[in-house]
Protein backbone atom coordinates (compact mmCIF):
# COMPACT_ATOMS: atom_id res chain seq x y z
CA UNK A 1 11.78 12.38 -8.02
CA UNK A 2 13.45 8.74 -6.10
CA UNK A 3 13.86 11.21 -2.95
CA UNK A 4 10.10 11.41 -3.16
CA UNK A 5 9.74 7.49 -4.05
CA UNK A 6 12.08 6.84 -1.07
CA UNK A 7 10.04 9.14 1.98
CA UNK A 8 6.92 7.91 -0.01
CA UNK A 9 8.22 4.40 0.87
CA UNK A 10 8.89 5.60 4.49
CA UNK A 11 5.56 7.32 5.54
CA UNK A 12 4.27 3.61 4.25
CA UNK A 13 6.14 1.75 5.83
CA UNK A 14 5.84 3.44 9.45
CA UNK A 15 2.35 4.06 8.50
CA UNK A 16 1.50 0.30 8.63
CA UNK A 17 3.56 -0.36 11.91
CA UNK A 18 1.90 2.49 13.47
CA UNK A 19 -1.59 1.83 12.47
CA UNK A 20 -1.41 -2.04 13.33
CA UNK A 21 -4.24 -3.10 16.04
CA UNK A 22 -2.81 -6.19 17.06
CA UNK A 23 -0.23 -4.32 20.08
CA UNK A 24 -0.08 -7.86 22.13
CA UNK A 25 1.82 -10.07 18.84
CA UNK A 26 4.66 -8.42 17.82
CA UNK A 27 5.26 -8.73 14.12
CA UNK A 28 8.38 -9.68 12.48
CA UNK A 29 10.01 -6.52 10.50
CA UNK A 30 10.36 -8.34 7.67
CA UNK A 31 6.62 -8.93 7.03
CA UNK A 32 5.96 -4.59 7.61
CA UNK A 33 8.60 -4.47 4.77
CA UNK A 34 6.64 -6.84 2.63
CA UNK A 35 3.39 -5.26 3.20
CA UNK A 36 4.65 -2.04 2.42
CA UNK A 37 6.45 -3.13 -0.58
CA UNK A 38 3.41 -4.05 -1.75
CA UNK A 39 1.45 -0.90 -1.08
CA UNK A 40 4.15 1.52 -3.04
CA UNK A 41 3.88 -0.80 -5.84
CA UNK A 42 0.45 -0.70 -6.08
CA UNK A 43 0.61 3.02 -5.80
CA UNK A 44 2.89 2.79 -8.24
CA UNK A 45 0.65 0.92 -10.71
CA UNK A 46 -2.32 3.02 -10.42
CA UNK A 47 -0.32 5.89 -10.60
CA UNK A 48 0.69 4.63 -14.22
CA UNK A 49 -2.44 3.55 -15.73
CA UNK A 50 -5.46 7.05 -16.64
CA UNK A 51 -8.71 7.55 -14.50
CA UNK A 52 -11.33 5.56 -16.09
CA UNK A 53 -9.46 2.27 -15.46
CA UNK A 54 -8.76 2.60 -11.78
CA UNK A 55 -12.82 3.52 -11.90
CA UNK A 56 -12.88 0.38 -13.35
CA UNK A 57 -10.89 -1.40 -11.04
CA UNK A 58 -12.19 -0.37 -8.12
CA UNK A 59 -15.78 -0.74 -8.79
CA UNK A 60 -14.66 -4.93 -9.73
CA UNK A 61 -12.77 -5.12 -6.55
CA UNK A 62 -16.28 -3.59 -5.01
CA UNK A 63 -17.79 -5.98 -6.71
CA UNK A 64 -15.81 -8.68 -5.81
CA UNK A 65 -16.27 -7.80 -2.06
CA UNK A 66 -19.87 -8.24 -2.11
């Protein structure tokens, strides 16, 4: 299970680095690592709760945006 989490974290890390649209400004790798850790923790939290709570959370975040 730890190996799957490690691979998932690496995919998140490299995806954040590849998708970053600002090519002119080179970002400190530590910031990319912190972003990746944040996304990974959110992933772990969303896996731990049931689907109705996820739907409620997504609806509340959507209302915050609007």
